[in-house]
Amino acid sequence: MSKSDTILSAKSLRYFLQLIETMNYTQAAQILGITQPALTQQVKKLERAIGAPLFGQMGKKLYLTEAGKEMEAAAIELLNTINGVISDIQEYTQSDKGNISIGILESVHVDLFYQFLRYFNKKYPEVTFTVDYFDRKELWHRLDSNMIDMAIMYMPDTTNKTGANFRHQYNHRDICPEHIVVLTHKDNVEAGGTYSVTRFGNRKWVAYPENYYLSRLMRLNFSEKIDLVTPFKIASTKEMIKIAENTDLDTYVDQTYYEAHKDEINLTPVYIKNMPEFTTACVYRRGKLDVPRMKKLLTELQIFLDNNLDRNNNFSKLLSEEIK
């Protein structure tokens, strides 16, 4: 067995890719559940086996060398091959065993989908799930490179994935319809009413970061008529609402989050005229339907939604009961 055979293990490649994600030894080691010296040792072993440094350092910041970039592409390909072989053995023999990897868009609220996973787990306890949260760019990267089996995100997506390339490579299933709910301090509006954006011309906002889906929808709807002034941009929905409630700022959330937390919110919920509708959906590569456990998951998901989704109210009957 050659030196490279002993060093280029799946474990060492995963360590290497995790370090690329964080570009920080301490953070990567914490995520991996190992010590920083152990991670450093694994990286040095890789570098010795390859005969070139994988990372450089400028001040306190790490960066990938050219050799590191080549190794990153090779590591992804090798791990995909390894995972594919393992998955193939399971997926073409049994539909009630194996792992399903799910990526969720950071700002999406998926209480209903988690209810479904609990339901599915009771029926098929030997199917396991790995669930992680990502921004939109990373989510598409992981779908494209087959690092996850499916993604939960808002649709339609505002990237070029919604074009012909998307239709040829991907399928999606709606989980629930969504709307943007504006939460305002204005005292001259009625809860549940629908108003023109011009009614909010003098308002300031606490909002999601600019690259978040709901922020893009708000900017598209407001930009033609008024500026969307946002002194605070925060990734946490809970913190957005807390800051809005303790200042004179307005904010916004999706319908699902509002319905789940409306009894805790002390702001007036209203809607904006002509705001585009969208859905929370699961997206997966077309070939995933050939995987028995994925086909079973999607079949069970449709049955679950048919039984539990109140489409007129835009949230599940189960969730309605929990709110009461």
C-alpha atoms as a PDB file:
ATOM      1  CA  MET A   1       0.000   0.000   0.000  1.00  0.00           C
ATOM      2  CA  SER A   2       1.451   3.384  -0.992  1.00  0.00           C
ATOM      3  CA  LYS A   3       1.879   6.307   1.334  1.00  0.00           C
ATOM      4  CA  SER A   4      -0.929   8.217  -0.336  1.00  0.00           C
ATOM      5  CA  ASP A   5      -3.297   5.269   0.082  1.00  0.00           C
ATOM      6  CA  THR A   6      -2.876   5.358   3.844  1.00  0.00           C
ATOM      7  CA  ILE A   7      -3.221   9.131   4.103  1.00  0.00           C
ATOM      8  CA  LEU A   8      -6.053   9.885   1.662  1.00  0.00           C
ATOM      9  CA  SER A   9      -8.758   8.385   3.821  1.00  0.00           C
ATOM     10  CA  ALA A  10     -12.361   9.540   3.734  1.00  0.00           C
ATOM     11  CA  LYS A  11     -11.886  10.939   7.234  1.00  0.00           C
ATOM     12  CA  SER A  12      -8.872  13.058   6.310  1.00  0.00           C
ATOM     13  CA  LEU A  13     -10.653  14.384   3.223  1.00  0.00           C
ATOM     14  CA  ARG A  14     -13.704  15.379   5.286  1.00  0.00           C
ATOM     15  CA  TYR A  15     -11.426  17.150   7.762  1.00  0.00           C
ATOM     16  CA  PHE A  16      -9.768  18.990   4.890  1.00  0.00           C
ATOM     17  CA  LEU A  17     -13.097  20.115   3.376  1.00  0.00           C
ATOM     18  CA  GLN A  18     -14.419  21.231   6.758  1.00  0.00           C
ATOM     19  CA  LEU A  19     -11.347  23.409   7.252  1.00  0.00           C
ATOM     20  CA  ILE A  20     -11.990  24.970   3.841  1.00  0.00           C
ATOM     21  CA  GLU A  21     -15.555  25.845   4.905  1.00  0.00           C
ATOM     22  CA  THR A  22     -14.447  27.700   8.035  1.00  0.00           C
ATOM     23  CA  MET A  23     -10.860  28.683   7.148  1.00  0.00           C
ATOM     24  CA  ASN A  24     -10.299  28.491  10.889  1.00  0.00           C
ATOM     25  CA  TYR A  25      -8.650  25.551  12.641  1.00  0.00           C
ATOM     26  CA  THR A  26     -10.420  26.140  15.957  1.00  0.00           C
ATOM     27  CA  GLN A  27     -13.909  26.371  14.437  1.00  0.00           C
ATOM     28  CA  ALA A  28     -13.349  23.399  12.131  1.00  0.00           C
ATOM     29  CA  ALA A  29     -12.066  21.250  14.999  1.00  0.00           C
ATOM     30  CA  GLN A  30     -15.106  22.147  17.123  1.00  0.00           C
ATOM     31  CA  ILE A  31     -17.498  21.234  14.315  1.00  0.00           C
ATOM     32  CA  LEU A  32     -15.670  17.932  13.743  1.00  0.00           C
ATOM     33  CA  GLY A  33     -15.558  17.129  17.458  1.00  0.00           C
ATOM     34  CA  ILE A  34     -11.765  16.763  17.563  1.00  0.00           C
ATOM     35  CA  THR A  35      -8.900  18.764  19.012  1.00  0.00           C
ATOM     36  CA  GLN A  36      -7.182  21.474  17.027  1.00  0.00           C
ATOM     37  CA  PRO A  37      -3.799  19.657  17.181  1.00  0.00           C
ATOM     38  CA  ALA A  38      -5.446  16.518  15.772  1.00  0.00           C
ATOM     39  CA  LEU A  39      -6.861  18.506  12.858  1.00  0.00           C
ATOM     40  CA  THR A  40      -3.528  20.222  12.252  1.00  0.00           C
ATOM     41  CA  GLN A  41      -1.800  16.836  12.205  1.00  0.00           C
ATOM     42  CA  GLN A  42      -4.244  15.442   9.628  1.00  0.00           C
ATOM     43  CA  VAL A  43      -3.706  18.430   7.336  1.00  0.00           C
ATOM     44  CA  LYS A  44       0.080  18.154   7.641  1.00  0.00           C
ATOM     45  CA  LYS A  45      -0.126  14.437   6.781  1.00  0.00           C
ATOM     46  CA  LEU A  46      -2.086  15.314   3.652  1.00  0.00           C
ATOM     47  CA  GLU A  47       0.474  17.932   2.707  1.00  0.00           C
ATOM     48  CA  ARG A  48       3.360  15.513   3.217  1.00  0.00           C
ATOM     49  CA  ALA A  49       1.609  12.853   1.137  1.00  0.00           C
ATOM     50  CA  ILE A  50       0.977  15.314  -1.684  1.00  0.00           C
ATOM     51  CA  GLY A  51       4.295  17.067  -1.396  1.00  0.00           C
ATOM     52  CA  ALA A  52       2.886  20.590  -1.430  1.00  0.00           C
ATOM     53  CA  PRO A  53       1.237  22.987   1.044  1.00  0.00           C
ATOM     54  CA  LEU A  54      -2.556  23.070   0.842  1.00  0.00           C
ATOM     55  CA  PHE A  55      -3.047  26.274   2.836  1.00  0.00           C
ATOM     56  CA  GLY A  56      -1.181  29.536   3.023  1.00  0.00           C
ATOM     57  CA  GLN A  57      -1.512  32.236   5.639  1.00  0.00           C
ATOM     58  CA  MET A  58      -1.701  36.001   5.274  1.00  0.00           C
ATOM     59  CA  GLY A  59      -1.656  37.547   8.712  1.00  0.00           C
ATOM     60  CA  LYS A  60      -4.215  35.542  10.670  1.00  0.00           C
ATOM     61  CA  LYS A  61      -6.224  34.531   7.602  1.00  0.00           C
ATOM     62  CA  LEU A  62      -5.890  31.188   5.837  1.00  0.00           C
ATOM     63  CA  TYR A  63      -6.187  30.842   2.079  1.00  0.00           C
ATOM     64  CA  LEU A  64      -6.085  27.896  -0.311  1.00  0.00           C
ATOM     65  CA  THR A  65      -2.932  27.437  -2.361  1.00  0.00           C
ATOM     66  CA  GLU A  66      -3.173  26.305  -5.971  1.00  0.00           C
ATOM     67  CA  ALA A  67      -2.426  22.780  -4.746  1.00  0.00           C
ATOM     68  CA  GLY A  68      -5.181  23.212  -2.171  1.00  0.00           C
ATOM     69  CA  LYS A  69      -7.687  24.200  -4.844  1.00  0.00           C
ATOM     70  CA  GLU A  70      -6.799  21.121  -6.888  1.00  0.00           C
ATOM     71  CA  MET A  71      -7.079  18.978  -3.773  1.00  0.00           C
ATOM     72  CA  GLU A  72     -10.481  20.463  -2.909  1.00  0.00           C
ATOM     73  CA  ALA A  73     -11.912  19.422  -6.276  1.00  0.00           C
ATOM     74  CA  ALA A  74     -10.369  15.964  -5.962  1.00  0.00           C
ATOM     75  CA  ALA A  75     -11.589  15.529  -2.371  1.00  0.00           C
ATOM     76  CA  ILE A  76     -15.174  16.376  -3.329  1.00  0.00           C
ATOM     77  CA  GLU A  77     -15.037  13.946  -6.237  1.00  0.00           C
ATOM     78  CA  LEU A  78     -13.503  11.159  -4.130  1.00  0.00           C
ATOM     79  CA  LEU A  79     -16.007  11.595  -1.294  1.00  0.00           C
ATOM     80  CA  ASN A  80     -18.897  11.671  -3.747  1.00  0.00           C
ATOM     81  CA  THR A  81     -17.620   8.396  -5.183  1.00  0.00           C
ATOM     82  CA  ILE A  82     -17.280   6.818  -1.738  1.00  0.00           C
ATOM     83  CA  ASN A  83     -20.693   8.072  -0.616  1.00  0.00           C
ATOM     84  CA  GLY A  84     -22.195   6.997  -3.911  1.00  0.00           C
ATOM     85  CA  VAL A  85     -20.914   3.442  -3.575  1.00  0.00           C
ATOM     86  CA  ILE A  86     -22.228   3.144  -0.015  1.00  0.00           C
ATOM     87  CA  SER A  87     -25.528   4.720  -0.986  1.00  0.00           C
ATOM     88  CA  ASP A  88     -25.868   2.518  -4.069  1.00  0.00           C
ATOM     89  CA  ILE A  89     -25.515  -0.622  -1.991  1.00  0.00           C
ATOM     90  CA  GLN A  90     -28.314   0.520   0.302  1.00  0.00           C
ATOM     91  CA  GLU A  91     -30.611   2.348  -2.061  1.00  0.00           C
ATOM     92  CA  TYR A  92     -31.013  -0.393  -4.639  1.00  0.00           C
ATOM     93  CA  THR A  93     -31.699  -3.080  -2.091  1.00  0.00           C
ATOM     94  CA  GLN A  94     -33.927  -1.515   0.582  1.00  0.00           C
ATOM     95  CA  SER A  95     -36.233   1.471   0.750  1.00  0.00           C
ATOM     96  CA  ASP A  96     -36.563   1.553   4.529  1.00  0.00           C
ATOM     97  CA  LYS A  97     -32.880   1.878   5.464  1.00  0.00           C
ATOM     98  CA  GLY A  98     -30.070   4.331   4.851  1.00  0.00           C
ATOM     99  CA  ASN A  99     -29.426   8.025   5.330  1.00  0.00           C
ATOM    100  CA  ILE A 100     -31.106  11.009   3.686  1.00  0.00           C
ATOM    101  CA  SER A 101     -29.176  14.271   3.744  1.00  0.00           C
ATOM    102  CA  ILE A 102     -31.269  17.454   3.793  1.00  0.00           C
ATOM    103  CA  GLY A 103     -30.139  21.050   3.436  1.00  0.00           C
ATOM    104  CA  ILE A 104     -32.407  23.879   4.573  1.00  0.00           C
ATOM    105  CA  LEU A 105     -32.206  27.523   3.542  1.00  0.00           C
ATOM    106  CA  GLU A 106     -31.228  29.562   6.603  1.00  0.00           C
ATOM    107  CA  SER A 107     -34.284  31.828   6.718  1.00  0.00           C
ATOM    108  CA  VAL A 108     -36.940  29.187   5.971  1.00  0.00           C
ATOM    109  CA  HIS A 109     -39.236  28.143   8.818  1.00  0.00           C
ATOM    110  CA  VAL A 110     -39.982  24.464   8.497  1.00  0.00           C
ATOM    111  CA  ASP A 111     -42.069  23.434  11.498  1.00  0.00           C
ATOM    112  CA  LEU A 112     -44.387  21.473   9.211  1.00  0.00           C
ATOM    113  CA  PHE A 113     -41.503  19.630   7.561  1.00  0.00           C
ATOM    114  CA  TYR A 114     -40.061  18.661  10.946  1.00  0.00           C
ATOM    115  CA  GLN A 115     -43.477  17.316  11.892  1.00  0.00           C
ATOM    116  CA  PHE A 116     -43.311  15.188   8.778  1.00  0.00           C
ATOM    117  CA  LEU A 117     -39.808  13.896   9.619  1.00  0.00           C
ATOM    118  CA  ARG A 118     -41.029  12.809  13.056  1.00  0.00           C
ATOM    119  CA  TYR A 119     -43.991  11.083  11.429  1.00  0.00           C
ATOM    120  CA  PHE A 120     -41.750   9.370   8.849  1.00  0.00           C
ATOM    121  CA  ASN A 121     -39.253   8.284  11.505  1.00  0.00           C
ATOM    122  CA  LYS A 122     -41.984   6.494  13.433  1.00  0.00           C
ATOM    123  CA  LYS A 123     -42.925   4.504  10.324  1.00  0.00           C
ATOM    124  CA  TYR A 124     -39.372   3.878   9.097  1.00  0.00           C
ATOM    125  CA  PRO A 125     -37.026   4.093  12.096  1.00  0.00           C
ATOM    126  CA  GLU A 126     -34.036   2.722  10.166  1.00  0.00           C
ATOM    127  CA  VAL A 127     -34.015   5.631   7.730  1.00  0.00           C
ATOM    128  CA  THR A 128     -31.804   8.289   9.303  1.00  0.00           C
ATOM    129  CA  PHE A 129     -31.588  11.994   8.523  1.00  0.00           C
ATOM    130  CA  THR A 130     -28.789  14.529   8.449  1.00  0.00           C
ATOM    131  CA  VAL A 131     -30.138  18.091   8.445  1.00  0.00           C
ATOM    132  CA  ASP A 132     -27.996  21.219   8.021  1.00  0.00           C
ATOM    133  CA  TYR A 133     -28.713  24.890   7.340  1.00  0.00           C
ATOM    134  CA  PHE A 134     -26.996  26.808   4.528  1.00  0.00           C
ATOM    135  CA  ASP A 135     -27.221  30.070   2.646  1.00  0.00           C
ATOM    136  CA  ARG A 136     -28.694  29.886  -0.842  1.00  0.00           C
ATOM    137  CA  LYS A 137     -25.370  29.779  -2.700  1.00  0.00           C
ATOM    138  CA  GLU A 138     -24.029  26.921  -0.572  1.00  0.00           C
ATOM    139  CA  LEU A 139     -27.348  25.085  -0.758  1.00  0.00           C
ATOM    140  CA  TRP A 140     -27.252  25.042  -4.566  1.00  0.00           C
ATOM    141  CA  HIS A 141     -23.582  24.054  -4.518  1.00  0.00           C
ATOM    142  CA  ARG A 142     -24.387  21.042  -2.351  1.00  0.00           C
ATOM    143  CA  LEU A 143     -27.320  20.051  -4.540  1.00  0.00           C
ATOM    144  CA  ASP A 144     -25.241  20.385  -7.694  1.00  0.00           C
ATOM    145  CA  SER A 145     -22.365  18.343  -6.265  1.00  0.00           C
ATOM    146  CA  ASN A 146     -24.697  15.680  -4.812  1.00  0.00           C
ATOM    147  CA  MET A 147     -23.550  16.429  -1.263  1.00  0.00           C
ATOM    148  CA  ILE A 148     -27.187  16.536  -0.106  1.00  0.00           C
ATOM    149  CA  ASP A 149     -30.206  14.554  -1.288  1.00  0.00           C
ATOM    150  CA  MET A 150     -32.721  17.376  -1.139  1.00  0.00           C
ATOM    151  CA  ALA A 151     -33.074  21.018  -0.168  1.00  0.00           C
ATOM    152  CA  ILE A 152     -35.849  22.940   1.555  1.00  0.00           C
ATOM    153  CA  MET A 153     -36.032  26.473   0.202  1.00  0.00           C
ATOM    154  CA  TYR A 154     -38.318  29.199  -1.027  1.00  0.00           C
ATOM    155  CA  MET A 155     -39.505  28.928  -4.628  1.00  0.00           C
ATOM    156  CA  PRO A 156     -39.388  30.367  -7.174  1.00  0.00           C
ATOM    157  CA  ASP A 157     -35.710  30.863  -6.558  1.00  0.00           C
ATOM    158  CA  THR A 158     -34.323  34.212  -7.682  1.00  0.00           C
ATOM    159  CA  THR A 159     -31.205  32.729  -9.277  1.00  0.00           C
ATOM    160  CA  ASN A 160     -30.850  31.420 -12.830  1.00  0.00           C
ATOM    161  CA  LYS A 161     -31.658  27.945 -11.489  1.00  0.00           C
ATOM    162  CA  THR A 162     -35.307  28.661 -12.286  1.00  0.00           C
ATOM    163  CA  GLY A 163     -34.581  28.511 -16.018  1.00  0.00           C
ATOM    164  CA  ALA A 164     -34.204  25.595 -18.375  1.00  0.00           C
ATOM    165  CA  ASN A 165     -31.218  24.252 -16.449  1.00  0.00           C
ATOM    166  CA  PHE A 166     -33.394  23.884 -13.359  1.00  0.00           C
ATOM    167  CA  ARG A 167     -36.231  22.159 -15.222  1.00  0.00           C
ATOM    168  CA  HIS A 168     -33.882  19.648 -16.822  1.00  0.00           C
ATOM    169  CA  GLN A 169     -31.937  18.757 -13.687  1.00  0.00           C
ATOM    170  CA  TYR A 170     -34.320  19.224 -10.768  1.00  0.00           C
ATOM    171  CA  ASN A 171     -37.816  18.539  -9.526  1.00  0.00           C
ATOM    172  CA  HIS A 172     -39.520  20.321  -6.673  1.00  0.00           C
ATOM    173  CA  ARG A 173     -42.609  19.792  -4.538  1.00  0.00           C
ATOM    174  CA  ASP A 174     -44.397  22.579  -2.729  1.00  0.00           C
ATOM    175  CA  ILE A 175     -44.730  22.116   1.012  1.00  0.00           C
ATOM    176  CA  CYS A 176     -46.853  25.175   1.769  1.00  0.00           C
ATOM    177  CA  PRO A 177     -47.718  28.519   0.155  1.00  0.00           C
ATOM    178  CA  GLU A 178     -46.188  31.640   1.708  1.00  0.00           C
ATOM    179  CA  HIS A 179     -46.708  35.386   1.933  1.00  0.00           C
ATOM    180  CA  ILE A 180     -44.659  38.147   3.492  1.00  0.00           C
ATOM    181  CA  VAL A 181     -46.312  39.465   6.657  1.00  0.00           C
ATOM    182  CA  VAL A 182     -45.272  43.002   7.584  1.00  0.00           C
ATOM    183  CA  LEU A 183     -45.192  43.633  11.342  1.00  0.00           C
ATOM    184  CA  THR A 184     -45.709  47.330  11.964  1.00  0.00           C
ATOM    185  CA  HIS A 185     -46.118  49.942  14.710  1.00  0.00           C
ATOM    186  CA  LYS A 186     -48.432  52.036  12.515  1.00  0.00           C
ATOM    187  CA  ASP A 187     -51.682  52.770  14.352  1.00  0.00           C
ATOM    188  CA  ASN A 188     -53.713  53.685  11.274  1.00  0.00           C
ATOM    189  CA  VAL A 189     -53.800  50.191   9.750  1.00  0.00           C
ATOM    190  CA  GLU A 190     -55.952  47.183  10.557  1.00  0.00           C
ATOM    191  CA  ALA A 191     -54.543  43.760  11.383  1.00  0.00           C
ATOM    192  CA  GLY A 192     -54.730  41.535   8.319  1.00  0.00           C
ATOM    193  CA  GLY A 193     -55.304  44.461   5.964  1.00  0.00           C
ATOM    194  CA  THR A 194     -53.554  44.928   2.624  1.00  0.00           C
ATOM    195  CA  TYR A 195     -51.876  48.254   1.859  1.00  0.00           C
ATOM    196  CA  SER A 196     -49.797  49.971  -0.793  1.00  0.00           C
ATOM    197  CA  VAL A 197     -46.064  50.292  -0.179  1.00  0.00           C
ATOM    198  CA  THR A 198     -46.523  54.078  -0.169  1.00  0.00           C
ATOM    199  CA  ARG A 199     -48.224  53.770   3.232  1.00  0.00           C
ATOM    200  CA  PHE A 200     -44.813  52.775   4.586  1.00  0.00           C
ATOM    201  CA  GLY A 201     -42.767  55.497   2.916  1.00  0.00           C
ATOM    202  CA  ASN A 202     -41.590  57.053   6.169  1.00  0.00           C
ATOM    203  CA  ARG A 203     -40.945  53.784   7.997  1.00  0.00           C
ATOM    204  CA  LYS A 204     -37.584  52.306   8.949  1.00  0.00           C
ATOM    205  CA  TRP A 205     -36.962  48.579   9.196  1.00  0.00           C
ATOM    206  CA  VAL A 206     -35.107  45.822  10.939  1.00  0.00           C
ATOM    207  CA  ALA A 207     -34.594  43.239   8.212  1.00  0.00           C
ATOM    208  CA  TYR A 208     -32.799  40.112   7.114  1.00  0.00           C
ATOM    209  CA  PRO A 209     -29.387  40.529   5.438  1.00  0.00           C
ATOM    210  CA  GLU A 210     -29.581  41.690   1.827  1.00  0.00           C
ATOM    211  CA  ASN A 211     -28.871  38.273   0.312  1.00  0.00           C
ATOM    212  CA  TYR A 212     -31.843  36.635   2.077  1.00  0.00           C
ATOM    213  CA  TYR A 213     -34.839  35.661  -0.042  1.00  0.00           C
ATOM    214  CA  LEU A 214     -37.425  37.753   1.832  1.00  0.00           C
ATOM    215  CA  SER A 215     -35.158  40.808   1.734  1.00  0.00           C
ATOM    216  CA  ARG A 216     -34.877  40.484  -2.039  1.00  0.00           C
ATOM    217  CA  LEU A 217     -38.668  40.304  -2.400  1.00  0.00           C
ATOM    218  CA  MET A 218     -39.143  43.359  -0.193  1.00  0.00           C
ATOM    219  CA  ARG A 219     -36.544  45.391  -2.076  1.00  0.00           C
ATOM    220  CA  LEU A 220     -38.032  44.429  -5.445  1.00  0.00           C
ATOM    221  CA  ASN A 221     -41.493  45.495  -4.304  1.00  0.00           C
ATOM    222  CA  PHE A 222     -40.417  48.720  -2.597  1.00  0.00           C
ATOM    223  CA  SER A 223     -37.574  49.953  -4.794  1.00  0.00           C
ATOM    224  CA  GLU A 224     -39.764  51.356  -7.580  1.00  0.00           C
ATOM    225  CA  LYS A 225     -41.642  53.657  -5.200  1.00  0.00           C
ATOM    226  CA  ILE A 226     -39.698  54.203  -1.955  1.00  0.00           C
ATOM    227  CA  ASP A 227     -36.376  53.335  -0.378  1.00  0.00           C
ATOM    228  CA  LEU A 228     -36.311  50.532   2.162  1.00  0.00           C
ATOM    229  CA  VAL A 229     -34.320  52.103   5.022  1.00  0.00           C
ATOM    230  CA  THR A 230     -32.876  49.356   7.242  1.00  0.00           C
ATOM    231  CA  PRO A 231     -30.777  50.471  10.244  1.00  0.00           C
ATOM    232  CA  PHE A 232     -30.572  46.831  11.414  1.00  0.00           C
ATOM    233  CA  LYS A 233     -29.920  43.709   9.319  1.00  0.00           C
ATOM    234  CA  ILE A 234     -30.103  40.512  11.364  1.00  0.00           C
ATOM    235  CA  ALA A 235     -30.152  36.829  10.389  1.00  0.00           C
ATOM    236  CA  SER A 236     -32.326  35.767  13.349  1.00  0.00           C
ATOM    237  CA  THR A 237     -36.094  36.152  12.917  1.00  0.00           C
ATOM    238  CA  LYS A 238     -36.641  36.077  16.667  1.00  0.00           C
ATOM    239  CA  GLU A 239     -34.112  38.862  17.244  1.00  0.00           C
ATOM    240  CA  MET A 240     -35.555  40.907  14.368  1.00  0.00           C
ATOM    241  CA  ILE A 241     -38.959  40.887  16.027  1.00  0.00           C
ATOM    242  CA  LYS A 242     -37.509  41.624  19.463  1.00  0.00           C
ATOM    243  CA  ILE A 243     -35.639  44.684  18.169  1.00  0.00           C
ATOM    244  CA  ALA A 244     -38.695  45.873  16.231  1.00  0.00           C
ATOM    245  CA  GLU A 245     -40.892  45.572  19.321  1.00  0.00           C
ATOM    246  CA  ASN A 246     -38.427  47.565  21.440  1.00  0.00           C
ATOM    247  CA  THR A 247     -37.885  50.336  18.894  1.00  0.00           C
ATOM    248  CA  ASP A 248     -40.026  52.204  16.395  1.00  0.00           C
ATOM    249  CA  LEU A 249     -38.812  49.968  13.562  1.00  0.00           C
ATOM    250  CA  ASP A 250     -41.060  47.705  11.481  1.00  0.00           C
ATOM    251  CA  THR A 251     -40.075  44.243  10.288  1.00  0.00           C
ATOM    252  CA  TYR A 252     -41.387  41.315   8.224  1.00  0.00           C
ATOM    253  CA  VAL A 253     -41.573  37.514   8.363  1.00  0.00           C
ATOM    254  CA  ASP A 254     -43.095  34.739   6.301  1.00  0.00           C
ATOM    255  CA  GLN A 255     -46.651  33.561   6.893  1.00  0.00           C
ATOM    256  CA  THR A 256     -45.610  30.248   8.440  1.00  0.00           C
ATOM    257  CA  TYR A 257     -43.467  31.898  11.099  1.00  0.00           C
ATOM    258  CA  TYR A 258     -46.161  34.440  11.906  1.00  0.00           C
ATOM    259  CA  GLU A 259     -48.882  31.819  12.313  1.00  0.00           C
ATOM    260  CA  ALA A 260     -46.664  29.781  14.640  1.00  0.00           C
ATOM    261  CA  HIS A 261     -45.708  32.762  16.829  1.00  0.00           C
ATOM    262  CA  LYS A 262     -48.496  35.323  16.466  1.00  0.00           C
ATOM    263  CA  ASP A 263     -49.551  35.093  20.122  1.00  0.00           C
ATOM    264  CA  GLU A 264     -46.040  36.201  21.115  1.00  0.00           C
ATOM    265  CA  ILE A 265     -45.824  39.140  18.688  1.00  0.00           C
ATOM    266  CA  ASN A 266     -46.867  42.645  19.786  1.00  0.00           C
ATOM    267  CA  LEU A 267     -46.915  44.273  16.354  1.00  0.00           C
ATOM    268  CA  THR A 268     -49.743  44.699  13.835  1.00  0.00           C
ATOM    269  CA  PRO A 269     -49.621  42.173  10.961  1.00  0.00           C
ATOM    270  CA  VAL A 270     -50.481  43.523   7.508  1.00  0.00           C
ATOM    271  CA  TYR A 271     -49.838  42.652   3.870  1.00  0.00           C
ATOM    272  CA  ILE A 272     -48.380  44.680   0.995  1.00  0.00           C
ATOM    273  CA  LYS A 273     -50.292  44.999  -2.289  1.00  0.00           C
ATOM    274  CA  ASN A 274     -48.816  43.184  -5.268  1.00  0.00           C
ATOM    275  CA  MET A 275     -46.224  41.387  -3.181  1.00  0.00           C
ATOM    276  CA  PRO A 276     -45.237  38.217  -5.085  1.00  0.00           C
ATOM    277  CA  GLU A 277     -46.462  34.939  -3.665  1.00  0.00           C
ATOM    278  CA  PHE A 278     -43.989  32.134  -3.117  1.00  0.00           C
ATOM    279  CA  THR A 279     -43.822  28.695  -1.546  1.00  0.00           C
ATOM    280  CA  THR A 280     -41.685  26.666   0.775  1.00  0.00           C
ATOM    281  CA  ALA A 281     -40.667  23.667  -1.331  1.00  0.00           C
ATOM    282  CA  CYS A 282     -38.378  20.653  -1.367  1.00  0.00           C
ATOM    283  CA  VAL A 283     -35.970  20.545  -4.323  1.00  0.00           C
ATOM    284  CA  TYR A 284     -34.105  17.448  -5.491  1.00  0.00           C
ATOM    285  CA  ARG A 285     -32.213  16.166  -8.508  1.00  0.00           C
ATOM    286  CA  ARG A 286     -34.373  14.199 -10.938  1.00  0.00           C
ATOM    287  CA  GLY A 287     -32.318  11.041 -10.481  1.00  0.00           C
ATOM    288  CA  LYS A 288     -33.188  10.928  -6.783  1.00  0.00           C
ATOM    289  CA  LEU A 289     -36.547   9.370  -7.630  1.00  0.00           C
ATOM    290  CA  ASP A 290     -34.606   6.247  -8.625  1.00  0.00           C
ATOM    291  CA  VAL A 291     -33.487   5.895  -5.008  1.00  0.00           C
ATOM    292  CA  PRO A 292     -36.137   3.777  -3.219  1.00  0.00           C
ATOM    293  CA  ARG A 293     -35.876   5.522   0.153  1.00  0.00           C
ATOM    294  CA  MET A 294     -36.099   8.954  -1.494  1.00  0.00           C
ATOM    295  CA  LYS A 295     -39.104   7.880  -3.549  1.00  0.00           C
ATOM    296  CA  LYS A 296     -40.751   6.579  -0.381  1.00  0.00           C
ATOM    297  CA  LEU A 297     -39.947   9.803   1.466  1.00  0.00           C
ATOM    298  CA  LEU A 298     -41.486  11.980  -1.248  1.00  0.00           C
ATOM    299  CA  THR A 299     -44.545   9.736  -1.541  1.00  0.00           C
ATOM    300  CA  GLU A 300     -45.094   9.864   2.214  1.00  0.00           C
ATOM    301  CA  LEU A 301     -44.539  13.632   2.195  1.00  0.00           C
ATOM    302  CA  GLN A 302     -47.320  14.138  -0.343  1.00  0.00           C
ATOM    303  CA  ILE A 303     -49.697  11.956   1.682  1.00  0.00           C
ATOM    304  CA  PHE A 304     -48.773  13.850   4.855  1.00  0.00           C
ATOM    305  CA  LEU A 305     -49.359  17.232   3.224  1.00  0.00           C
ATOM    306  CA  ASP A 306     -52.678  16.136   1.729  1.00  0.00           C
ATOM    307  CA  ASN A 307     -53.835  15.034   5.170  1.00  0.00           C
ATOM    308  CA  ASN A 308     -52.479  17.903   7.235  1.00  0.00           C
ATOM    309  CA  LEU A 309     -52.079  21.046   5.154  1.00  0.00           C
ATOM    310  CA  ASP A 310     -54.854  23.601   5.344  1.00  0.00           C
ATOM    311  CA  ARG A 311     -54.157  25.332   2.042  1.00  0.00           C
ATOM    312  CA  ASN A 312     -56.754  28.012   2.621  1.00  0.00           C
ATOM    313  CA  ASN A 313     -55.009  29.234   5.760  1.00  0.00           C
ATOM    314  CA  ASN A 314     -51.478  28.524   4.517  1.00  0.00           C
ATOM    315  CA  PHE A 315     -50.423  26.425   7.465  1.00  0.00           C
ATOM    316  CA  SER A 316     -51.008  22.924   8.748  1.00  0.00           C
ATOM    317  CA  LYS A 317     -53.951  21.728  10.774  1.00  0.00           C
ATOM    318  CA  LEU A 318     -51.469  20.201  13.176  1.00  0.00           C
ATOM    319  CA  LEU A 319     -49.754  23.543  13.616  1.00  0.00           C
ATOM    320  CA  SER A 320     -53.110  25.257  14.102  1.00  0.00           C
ATOM    321  CA  GLU A 321     -53.863  22.898  16.968  1.00  0.00           C
ATOM    322  CA  GLU A 322     -50.466  23.553  18.540  1.00  0.00           C
ATOM    323  CA  ILE A 323     -51.012  27.317  18.349  1.00  0.00           C
ATOM    324  CA  LYS A 324     -54.374  27.001  20.119  1.00  0.00           C
END
